[in-house]
Amino acid sequence: YIDFMNVDALDLNLLRVLEAVYVHGKASVAAEALGISQPAVSNALRRLRDHFGDELFTRTPQGMVATPFGERLAQAAVHALSSLRD
């Protein structure tokens, strides 16, 4: 269960960025997939981190790896966005 902590205050477009970083593992690749700049992805991640009070991802030599909370949130976002796309 994810406590969205006042989901009304969350820009739901940020979930697309979360999904893209989770799927692609790199902010630059996520940016390309979304058709936005890498700084825009970084800004979106900062906003998500501030909202949820969690780092969501950590940088590794292999790319961005989700924290435990980030993993749960990203999986929920992937599922929700997939349902909406269907």
C-alpha atoms as a PDB file:
ATOM      1  CA  TYR A   1       0.000   0.000   0.000  1.00  0.00           C
ATOM      2  CA  ILE A   2       1.318   3.424  -0.999  1.00  0.00           C
ATOM      3  CA  ASP A   3       0.232   6.412   1.054  1.00  0.00           C
ATOM      4  CA  PHE A   4       0.154   9.133  -1.578  1.00  0.00           C
ATOM      5  CA  MET A   5       0.197  11.824   1.130  1.00  0.00           C
ATOM      6  CA  ASN A   6      -2.266  14.322  -0.289  1.00  0.00           C
ATOM      7  CA  VAL A   7      -2.496  13.077  -3.857  1.00  0.00           C
ATOM      8  CA  ASP A   8      -4.539  16.175  -4.706  1.00  0.00           C
ATOM      9  CA  ALA A   9      -1.332  18.225  -4.424  1.00  0.00           C
ATOM     10  CA  LEU A  10       0.628  15.868  -6.701  1.00  0.00           C
ATOM     11  CA  ASP A  11       1.112  16.711 -10.374  1.00  0.00           C
ATOM     12  CA  LEU A  12       0.149  13.380 -11.912  1.00  0.00           C
ATOM     13  CA  ASN A  13       2.399  14.081 -14.913  1.00  0.00           C
ATOM     14  CA  LEU A  14       5.289  13.397 -12.546  1.00  0.00           C
ATOM     15  CA  LEU A  15       4.238   9.743 -12.497  1.00  0.00           C
ATOM     16  CA  ARG A  16       5.146   9.454 -16.184  1.00  0.00           C
ATOM     17  CA  VAL A  17       8.660  10.602 -15.315  1.00  0.00           C
ATOM     18  CA  LEU A  18       8.842   8.171 -12.401  1.00  0.00           C
ATOM     19  CA  GLU A  19       7.763   5.340 -14.696  1.00  0.00           C
ATOM     20  CA  ALA A  20      10.288   6.278 -17.395  1.00  0.00           C
ATOM     21  CA  VAL A  21      13.223   6.490 -14.980  1.00  0.00           C
ATOM     22  CA  TYR A  22      12.185   3.196 -13.398  1.00  0.00           C
ATOM     23  CA  VAL A  23      11.876   1.435 -16.753  1.00  0.00           C
ATOM     24  CA  HIS A  24      14.964   2.938 -18.428  1.00  0.00           C
ATOM     25  CA  GLY A  25      17.237   3.295 -15.400  1.00  0.00           C
ATOM     26  CA  LYS A  26      18.784   6.552 -16.601  1.00  0.00           C
ATOM     27  CA  ALA A  27      17.461  10.094 -16.491  1.00  0.00           C
ATOM     28  CA  SER A  28      18.874  10.896 -19.933  1.00  0.00           C
ATOM     29  CA  VAL A  29      17.214   7.872 -21.562  1.00  0.00           C
ATOM     30  CA  ALA A  30      13.958   8.594 -19.713  1.00  0.00           C
ATOM     31  CA  ALA A  31      14.091  12.183 -20.979  1.00  0.00           C
ATOM     32  CA  GLU A  32      14.582  11.020 -24.549  1.00  0.00           C
ATOM     33  CA  ALA A  33      11.708   8.539 -24.257  1.00  0.00           C
ATOM     34  CA  LEU A  34       9.422  11.269 -22.905  1.00  0.00           C
ATOM     35  CA  GLY A  35      10.566  13.912 -25.364  1.00  0.00           C
ATOM     36  CA  ILE A  36      11.722  16.280 -22.629  1.00  0.00           C
ATOM     37  CA  SER A  37      15.104  17.529 -21.432  1.00  0.00           C
ATOM     38  CA  GLN A  38      17.251  15.713 -18.886  1.00  0.00           C
ATOM     39  CA  PRO A  39      17.069  18.745 -16.532  1.00  0.00           C
ATOM     40  CA  ALA A  40      13.254  18.499 -16.719  1.00  0.00           C
ATOM     41  CA  VAL A  41      13.493  14.860 -15.602  1.00  0.00           C
ATOM     42  CA  SER A  42      15.814  15.839 -12.746  1.00  0.00           C
ATOM     43  CA  ASN A  43      13.405  18.597 -11.699  1.00  0.00           C
ATOM     44  CA  ALA A  44      10.462  16.177 -11.777  1.00  0.00           C
ATOM     45  CA  LEU A  45      12.388  13.687  -9.625  1.00  0.00           C
ATOM     46  CA  ARG A  46      13.234  16.465  -7.152  1.00  0.00           C
ATOM     47  CA  ARG A  47       9.553  17.383  -6.916  1.00  0.00           C
ATOM     48  CA  LEU A  48       8.626  13.731  -6.342  1.00  0.00           C
ATOM     49  CA  ARG A  49      11.356  13.357  -3.699  1.00  0.00           C
ATOM     50  CA  ASP A  50      10.106  16.468  -1.925  1.00  0.00           C
ATOM     51  CA  HIS A  51       6.496  15.293  -2.052  1.00  0.00           C
ATOM     52  CA  PHE A  52       7.148  11.785  -0.770  1.00  0.00           C
ATOM     53  CA  GLY A  53      10.121  12.486   1.510  1.00  0.00           C
ATOM     54  CA  ASP A  54      12.162   9.688  -0.050  1.00  0.00           C
ATOM     55  CA  GLU A  55      15.107   9.654  -2.466  1.00  0.00           C
ATOM     56  CA  LEU A  56      13.128   7.237  -4.733  1.00  0.00           C
ATOM     57  CA  PHE A  57      16.291   6.331  -6.717  1.00  0.00           C
ATOM     58  CA  THR A  58      19.975   6.092  -6.000  1.00  0.00           C
ATOM     59  CA  ARG A  59      22.640   6.544  -8.643  1.00  0.00           C
ATOM     60  CA  THR A  60      24.900   3.578  -9.319  1.00  0.00           C
ATOM     61  CA  PRO A  61      27.440   2.889 -12.070  1.00  0.00           C
ATOM     62  CA  GLN A  62      24.721   0.780 -13.732  1.00  0.00           C
ATOM     63  CA  GLY A  63      22.115   3.568 -13.575  1.00  0.00           C
ATOM     64  CA  MET A  64      19.316   4.643 -11.289  1.00  0.00           C
ATOM     65  CA  VAL A  65      18.141   1.993  -8.816  1.00  0.00           C
ATOM     66  CA  ALA A  66      14.884   2.446  -6.936  1.00  0.00           C
ATOM     67  CA  THR A  67      14.845   2.623  -3.153  1.00  0.00           C
ATOM     68  CA  PRO A  68      12.404   0.231  -1.484  1.00  0.00           C
ATOM     69  CA  PHE A  69       9.747   2.973  -1.354  1.00  0.00           C
ATOM     70  CA  GLY A  70      10.637   4.075  -4.890  1.00  0.00           C
ATOM     71  CA  GLU A  71      10.194   0.500  -6.080  1.00  0.00           C
ATOM     72  CA  ARG A  72       6.694   0.254  -4.590  1.00  0.00           C
ATOM     73  CA  LEU A  73       5.713   3.681  -5.892  1.00  0.00           C
ATOM     74  CA  ALA A  74       7.121   3.037  -9.375  1.00  0.00           C
ATOM     75  CA  GLN A  75       5.362  -0.312  -9.627  1.00  0.00           C
ATOM     76  CA  ALA A  76       2.082   1.356  -8.623  1.00  0.00           C
ATOM     77  CA  ALA A  77       2.682   4.107 -11.219  1.00  0.00           C
ATOM     78  CA  VAL A  78       3.520   1.578 -13.956  1.00  0.00           C
ATOM     79  CA  HIS A  79       0.345  -0.371 -13.157  1.00  0.00           C
ATOM     80  CA  ALA A  80      -1.864   2.737 -13.017  1.00  0.00           C
ATOM     81  CA  LEU A  81      -0.480   4.224 -16.226  1.00  0.00           C
ATOM     82  CA  SER A  82      -0.750   0.882 -18.004  1.00  0.00           C
ATOM     83  CA  SER A  83      -4.401   0.622 -16.953  1.00  0.00           C
ATOM     84  CA  LEU A  84      -5.086   4.125 -18.229  1.00  0.00           C
ATOM     85  CA  ARG A  85      -3.376   3.398 -21.533  1.00  0.00           C
ATOM     86  CA  ASP A  86      -5.535   0.279 -21.985  1.00  0.00           C
END
